[in-house]
Amino acid sequence: MYKVKRLIKKLFSPVSIMLIPHDGKKTINIKVPSIGIFISMFLWCVGSVYLISIAIDAFEYQRMKHMVEYYNAQFTELKPTILMLKKAETEFRSLLSTGGKKEVLENVDSKAASIDSGSIDMEALKEQIKKTAESVASVKDYLREQRDIYLSTPSGWPVRGTVTSPFGHRDAPRGGGPQFHTGMDISVPTGTPIKATADGVVSFSGWNSGSGNLVVLEHGFGYSTFFAHARSTNVQVGQRVKRGDVIAYSGSTGNSTGPHLHYEVWKSGKAINPRGFLEVARNGDVQKTRR
């Protein structure tokens, strides 16, 4: 009990604080209980810690704000690329859902994050997106090239009729002796529309001696097609045509024994058998061949 009283006495015993002005005037003495000094120091420490914590929170807030602004700027920069990739994905899904190779090639132009320890590596992400975009562009370029090859390759029947003379060796009409037939003859009534079998440009349209009225189309990739003995032509030199366009009407002009179309396919300056480029009509009508 005595020790407690002694401790209380010490805590409340006054302590003199002397203030001495530099101008030499009268000094000022302030008496403060010892406990008051301890309480003041304690409050000063608590206040200092509080102010430091506020400063740290403010600094952290500014740091987080700058990070958010930085990532927002990065995503804003990436947004056009991401939208382009989404568009490309949609186009490829739509394109590849069309079915077989033929439909895919025909519709090529008409369907016209890295995380490490909780942080996003934006540079790595942009590099990956760049590589993906380049891959998408390469695939689209490849598909366009394949589409161009497909559209330039003769496909289908130029007229609906009966093959009366196939490609290869034969006896020439009207007793002309053995000869090599560089195309195939398809018998059809006079005036039957003759259609282009591939996209191309007209390189000849008009009269050509024994071929009668002749149309020649250049398709690119080494392909050319010839349509002879027409009654009349329907195109001019330099005109661009697409597969299925009517380019002439069948007849029996030139060295011909009757109404028919003489059809030839050439590749790199050499006549090849057109039969490899014919197909069954989509409506189920099978073209007839006379052996």
Protein backbone atom coordinates (compact mmCIF):
# COMPACT_ATOMS: atom_id res chain seq x y z
CA MET A 1 0.00 0.00 0.00
CA TYR A 2 2.88 2.24 0.85
CA LYS A 3 4.55 1.55 -2.50
CA VAL A 4 1.39 2.41 -4.38
CA LYS A 5 1.06 5.72 -2.59
CA ARG A 6 4.70 6.46 -3.31
CA LEU A 7 4.27 5.68 -7.02
CA ILE A 8 1.19 7.91 -7.25
CA LYS A 9 3.08 10.67 -5.52
CA LYS A 10 5.92 10.41 -8.05
CA LEU A 11 3.51 10.43 -10.97
CA PHE A 12 1.88 13.58 -9.77
CA SER A 13 5.05 15.25 -8.55
CA PRO A 14 5.60 18.42 -10.57
CA VAL A 15 8.29 18.77 -13.17
CA SER A 16 9.49 22.26 -14.07
CA ILE A 17 9.90 23.17 -17.70
CA MET A 18 11.94 26.33 -18.16
CA LEU A 19 11.55 28.39 -21.32
CA ILE A 20 14.43 30.82 -21.92
CA PRO A 21 13.83 33.44 -24.62
CA HIS A 22 16.80 34.30 -26.90
CA ASP A 23 16.29 38.01 -26.32
CA GLY A 24 17.26 37.56 -22.72
CA LYS A 25 13.94 38.54 -21.27
CA LYS A 26 12.41 36.93 -18.23
CA THR A 27 12.37 33.14 -18.31
CA ILE A 28 9.14 31.21 -18.10
CA ASN A 29 8.75 28.28 -15.75
CA ILE A 30 5.99 25.75 -16.33
CA LYS A 31 5.24 23.07 -13.82
CA VAL A 32 3.68 19.94 -15.22
CA PRO A 33 2.92 16.69 -13.37
CA SER A 34 5.19 13.85 -14.40
CA ILE A 35 2.22 11.81 -15.57
CA GLY A 36 1.26 14.65 -17.92
CA ILE A 37 4.62 14.33 -19.70
CA PHE A 38 4.17 10.57 -20.09
CA ILE A 39 0.62 11.02 -21.39
CA SER A 40 1.79 13.70 -23.85
CA MET A 41 4.58 11.45 -25.17
CA PHE A 42 2.14 8.55 -25.48
CA LEU A 43 -0.37 10.67 -27.39
CA TRP A 44 2.43 12.02 -29.58
CA CYS A 45 3.51 8.46 -30.47
CA VAL A 46 -0.07 7.37 -31.17
CA GLY A 47 -0.67 10.44 -33.35
CA SER A 48 2.56 9.88 -35.25
CA VAL A 49 1.67 6.25 -35.96
CA TYR A 50 -1.79 7.31 -37.10
CA LEU A 51 -0.44 10.00 -39.42
CA ILE A 52 2.11 7.57 -40.87
CA SER A 53 -0.63 4.99 -41.53
CA ILE A 54 -2.73 7.63 -43.28
CA ALA A 55 0.26 8.59 -45.42
CA ILE A 56 0.89 4.93 -46.30
CA ASP A 57 -2.77 4.43 -47.21
CA ALA A 58 -2.71 7.54 -49.40
CA PHE A 59 0.45 6.36 -51.14
CA GLU A 60 -1.04 2.90 -51.71
CA TYR A 61 -4.22 4.47 -53.06
CA GLN A 62 -2.26 6.55 -55.56
CA ARG A 63 -0.21 3.50 -56.59
CA MET A 64 -3.35 1.42 -57.15
CA LYS A 65 -4.97 4.30 -59.04
CA HIS A 66 -1.98 4.53 -61.37
CA MET A 67 -2.03 0.75 -61.92
CA VAL A 68 -5.75 0.82 -62.77
CA GLU A 69 -5.18 3.72 -65.20
CA TYR A 70 -2.25 1.85 -66.78
CA TYR A 71 -4.19 -1.39 -67.26
CA ASN A 72 -7.19 0.53 -68.54
CA ALA A 73 -4.98 2.21 -71.13
CA GLN A 74 -3.49 -1.16 -72.09
CA PHE A 75 -6.91 -2.79 -72.56
CA THR A 76 -8.12 0.26 -74.49
CA GLU A 77 -5.15 -0.20 -76.81
CA LEU A 78 -5.89 -3.92 -77.17
CA LYS A 79 -9.64 -3.52 -77.70
CA PRO A 80 -9.49 -3.08 -81.53
CA THR A 81 -7.29 -6.18 -81.83
CA ILE A 82 -9.58 -8.23 -79.59
CA LEU A 83 -12.62 -7.12 -81.59
CA MET A 84 -10.81 -8.06 -84.81
CA LEU A 85 -10.03 -11.52 -83.43
CA LYS A 86 -13.65 -11.99 -82.34
CA LYS A 87 -14.79 -10.96 -85.82
CA ALA A 88 -12.28 -13.34 -87.42
CA GLU A 89 -13.48 -16.17 -85.15
CA THR A 90 -17.09 -15.47 -86.13
CA GLU A 91 -16.14 -15.43 -89.82
CA PHE A 92 -14.26 -18.73 -89.56
CA ARG A 93 -17.09 -20.38 -87.63
CA SER A 94 -19.59 -19.19 -90.23
CA LEU A 95 -17.27 -20.14 -93.09
CA LEU A 96 -16.41 -23.61 -91.84
CA SER A 97 -20.04 -24.39 -91.00
CA THR A 98 -21.02 -24.18 -94.69
CA GLY A 99 -20.19 -27.82 -95.30
CA GLY A 100 -17.81 -29.33 -97.82
CA LYS A 101 -14.66 -27.98 -99.41
CA LYS A 102 -16.54 -26.58 -102.38
CA GLU A 103 -18.92 -24.50 -100.23
CA VAL A 104 -16.05 -23.33 -98.01
CA LEU A 105 -13.99 -22.08 -100.95
CA GLU A 106 -16.99 -20.42 -102.60
CA ASN A 107 -17.79 -18.46 -99.42
CA VAL A 108 -14.31 -17.36 -98.29
CA ASP A 109 -14.91 -13.68 -99.11
CA SER A 110 -18.66 -13.54 -98.66
CA LYS A 111 -18.59 -14.34 -94.91
CA ALA A 112 -16.52 -11.44 -95.33
CA ALA A 113 -3.69 -13.76 -71.35
CA SER A 114 -0.67 -14.48 -69.55
CA ILE A 115 -1.05 -14.71 -65.71
CA ASP A 116 1.93 -14.97 -63.33
CA SER A 117 1.70 -14.62 -59.55
CA GLY A 118 -1.58 -12.72 -59.81
CA SER A 119 -0.27 -10.07 -62.25
CA ILE A 120 -0.98 -9.63 -65.98
CA ASP A 121 1.98 -9.48 -68.34
CA MET A 122 0.53 -7.04 -70.86
CA GLU A 123 3.52 -7.14 -73.19
CA ALA A 124 3.35 -10.93 -73.41
CA LEU A 125 -0.41 -10.71 -73.96
CA LYS A 126 -0.02 -8.18 -76.79
CA GLU A 127 2.70 -10.29 -78.38
CA GLN A 128 0.49 -13.39 -78.23
CA ILE A 129 -2.46 -11.49 -79.72
CA LYS A 130 -0.16 -10.16 -82.47
CA LYS A 131 0.97 -13.69 -83.33
CA THR A 132 -2.63 -14.92 -83.29
CA ALA A 133 -3.71 -12.07 -85.57
CA GLU A 134 -0.87 -12.90 -87.97
CA SER A 135 -1.91 -16.56 -87.97
CA VAL A 136 -5.53 -15.62 -88.67
CA ALA A 137 -4.40 -13.35 -91.53
CA SER A 138 -2.24 -16.15 -92.96
CA VAL A 139 -5.13 -18.61 -92.86
CA LYS A 140 -7.47 -16.10 -94.53
CA ASP A 141 -4.85 -15.40 -97.22
CA TYR A 142 -4.45 -19.14 -97.79
CA LEU A 143 -8.21 -19.63 -98.07
CA ARG A 144 -8.48 -16.72 -100.53
CA GLU A 145 -5.71 -18.27 -102.63
CA GLN A 146 -7.45 -21.65 -102.57
CA ARG A 147 -10.72 -19.93 -103.46
CA ASP A 148 -9.06 -18.23 -106.45
CA ILE A 149 -7.64 -21.59 -107.59
CA TYR A 150 -11.05 -23.22 -107.20
CA LEU A 151 -12.89 -20.48 -109.13
CA SER A 152 -10.22 -20.61 -111.86
CA THR A 153 -10.44 -24.40 -112.27
CA PRO A 154 -13.04 -25.57 -114.82
CA SER A 155 -15.85 -27.44 -113.13
CA GLY A 156 -19.19 -28.70 -114.36
CA TRP A 157 -20.85 -29.11 -117.75
CA PRO A 158 -20.95 -26.15 -120.15
CA VAL A 159 -24.19 -27.50 -121.68
CA ARG A 160 -26.67 -30.31 -120.91
CA GLY A 161 -26.39 -32.91 -123.61
CA THR A 162 -24.88 -36.19 -124.79
CA VAL A 163 -21.16 -36.70 -125.35
CA THR A 164 -20.88 -37.94 -128.97
CA SER A 165 -17.08 -37.81 -129.29
CA PRO A 166 -14.79 -38.01 -126.23
CA PHE A 167 -11.24 -36.72 -125.79
CA GLY A 168 -8.46 -38.75 -127.43
CA HIS A 169 -7.76 -40.68 -130.63
CA ARG A 170 -10.61 -41.07 -133.12
CA ASP A 171 -11.48 -41.20 -136.80
CA ALA A 172 -12.02 -37.71 -138.10
CA PRO A 173 -15.56 -36.84 -139.24
CA ARG A 174 -16.29 -37.03 -142.98
CA GLY A 175 -13.59 -39.64 -143.55
CA GLY A 176 -10.63 -37.51 -142.57
CA GLY A 177 -8.67 -40.47 -141.16
CA PRO A 178 -7.24 -40.98 -137.66
CA GLN A 179 -6.75 -37.86 -135.54
CA PHE A 180 -6.32 -36.81 -131.94
CA HIS A 181 -9.43 -35.11 -130.62
CA THR A 182 -8.28 -32.37 -128.19
CA GLY A 183 -11.70 -31.87 -126.61
CA MET A 184 -15.11 -33.50 -126.33
CA ASP A 185 -18.22 -32.99 -128.45
CA ILE A 186 -21.53 -32.60 -126.64
CA SER A 187 -24.65 -32.89 -128.80
CA VAL A 188 -27.33 -30.28 -127.98
CA PRO A 189 -30.12 -28.51 -129.88
CA THR A 190 -29.25 -25.30 -131.72
CA GLY A 191 -29.56 -22.26 -129.48
CA THR A 192 -28.73 -24.04 -126.22
CA PRO A 193 -27.04 -21.60 -123.78
CA ILE A 194 -23.33 -22.33 -123.36
CA LYS A 195 -22.05 -21.47 -119.88
CA ALA A 196 -18.57 -20.67 -118.58
CA THR A 197 -17.21 -23.45 -116.38
CA ALA A 198 -14.88 -21.18 -114.38
CA ASP A 199 -14.31 -17.50 -113.66
CA GLY A 200 -12.11 -15.81 -116.24
CA VAL A 201 -11.53 -13.24 -118.96
CA VAL A 202 -12.56 -13.52 -122.62
CA SER A 203 -9.43 -13.69 -124.79
CA PHE A 204 -11.21 -14.51 -128.07
CA SER A 205 -14.80 -14.22 -129.27
CA GLY A 206 -15.73 -14.55 -132.92
CA TRP A 207 -15.17 -16.53 -136.11
CA ASN A 208 -12.20 -18.90 -136.28
CA SER A 209 -12.23 -20.91 -139.53
CA GLY A 210 -12.99 -24.61 -138.85
CA SER A 211 -14.02 -23.89 -135.25
CA GLY A 212 -16.80 -21.60 -136.45
CA ASN A 213 -17.88 -19.13 -133.82
CA LEU A 214 -15.42 -19.65 -130.98
CA VAL A 215 -15.09 -18.33 -127.42
CA VAL A 216 -11.82 -18.71 -125.49
CA LEU A 217 -11.59 -17.95 -121.78
CA GLU A 218 -8.43 -17.44 -119.73
CA HIS A 219 -8.91 -18.41 -116.09
CA GLY A 220 -5.49 -18.01 -114.50
CA PHE A 221 -3.32 -20.64 -112.83
CA GLY A 222 -2.60 -21.99 -116.33
CA TYR A 223 -6.21 -22.87 -117.25
CA SER A 224 -7.96 -22.00 -120.53
CA THR A 225 -11.23 -23.25 -122.01
CA PHE A 226 -12.48 -23.33 -125.63
CA PHE A 227 -16.10 -23.40 -126.83
CA ALA A 228 -16.42 -24.00 -130.59
CA HIS A 229 -19.11 -24.27 -133.33
CA ALA A 230 -21.46 -21.80 -131.58
CA ARG A 231 -24.34 -20.25 -133.48
CA SER A 232 -23.49 -16.91 -131.88
CA THR A 233 -21.30 -15.52 -129.11
CA ASN A 234 -22.56 -13.53 -126.16
CA VAL A 235 -19.33 -11.93 -124.86
CA GLN A 236 -16.57 -9.58 -126.01
CA VAL A 237 -12.77 -9.75 -125.71
CA GLY A 238 -11.63 -8.43 -122.33
CA GLN A 239 -14.95 -9.10 -120.64
CA ARG A 240 -14.81 -10.77 -117.22
CA VAL A 241 -17.16 -13.71 -116.71
CA LYS A 242 -18.07 -15.95 -113.80
CA ARG A 243 -18.81 -19.64 -113.67
CA GLY A 244 -22.35 -20.17 -114.95
CA ASP A 245 -22.50 -17.02 -117.11
CA VAL A 246 -23.90 -17.56 -120.63
CA ILE A 247 -21.07 -16.88 -123.09
CA ALA A 248 -22.57 -18.24 -126.35
CA TYR A 249 -25.39 -20.26 -127.94
CA SER A 250 -24.81 -23.66 -129.52
CA GLY A 251 -24.94 -24.20 -133.26
CA SER A 252 -23.19 -26.00 -136.12
CA THR A 253 -20.78 -23.46 -137.54
CA GLY A 254 -17.37 -24.24 -139.06
CA ASN A 255 -16.39 -27.84 -139.69
CA SER A 256 -19.38 -29.40 -137.99
CA THR A 257 -21.64 -32.34 -138.85
CA GLY A 258 -24.55 -31.16 -136.67
CA PRO A 259 -25.53 -28.98 -133.71
CA HIS A 260 -23.11 -29.56 -130.86
CA LEU A 261 -20.53 -27.94 -128.62
CA HIS A 262 -16.86 -28.74 -129.00
CA TYR A 263 -15.42 -28.16 -125.50
CA GLU A 264 -11.70 -28.08 -124.64
CA VAL A 265 -9.74 -27.60 -121.41
CA TRP A 266 -6.09 -26.55 -121.56
CA LYS A 267 -3.57 -26.44 -118.70
CA SER A 268 -0.22 -24.69 -119.13
CA GLY A 269 -0.48 -24.78 -122.92
CA LYS A 270 -1.49 -28.44 -123.18
CA ALA A 271 -4.92 -29.92 -123.95
CA ILE A 272 -6.21 -32.23 -121.20
CA ASN A 273 -9.26 -34.47 -120.95
CA PRO A 274 -12.31 -32.37 -119.95
CA ARG A 275 -13.98 -35.41 -118.41
CA GLY A 276 -11.96 -34.95 -115.21
CA PHE A 277 -13.60 -31.55 -114.74
CA LEU A 278 -17.22 -32.59 -115.23
CA GLU A 279 -19.61 -33.27 -112.36
CA VAL A 280 -23.12 -34.58 -111.72
CA ALA A 281 -25.72 -31.84 -111.96
CA ARG A 282 -26.98 -30.66 -108.58
CA ASN A 283 -30.60 -31.30 -109.47
CA GLY A 284 -29.85 -35.00 -109.87
CA ASP A 285 -29.74 -34.88 -113.68
CA VAL A 286 -26.87 -37.07 -114.81
CA GLN A 287 -25.22 -36.09 -118.10
CA LYS A 288 -25.31 -38.93 -120.63
CA THR A 289 -22.27 -40.16 -122.48
CA ARG A 290 -22.40 -42.09 -125.75
CA ARG A 291 -19.61 -44.65 -125.98
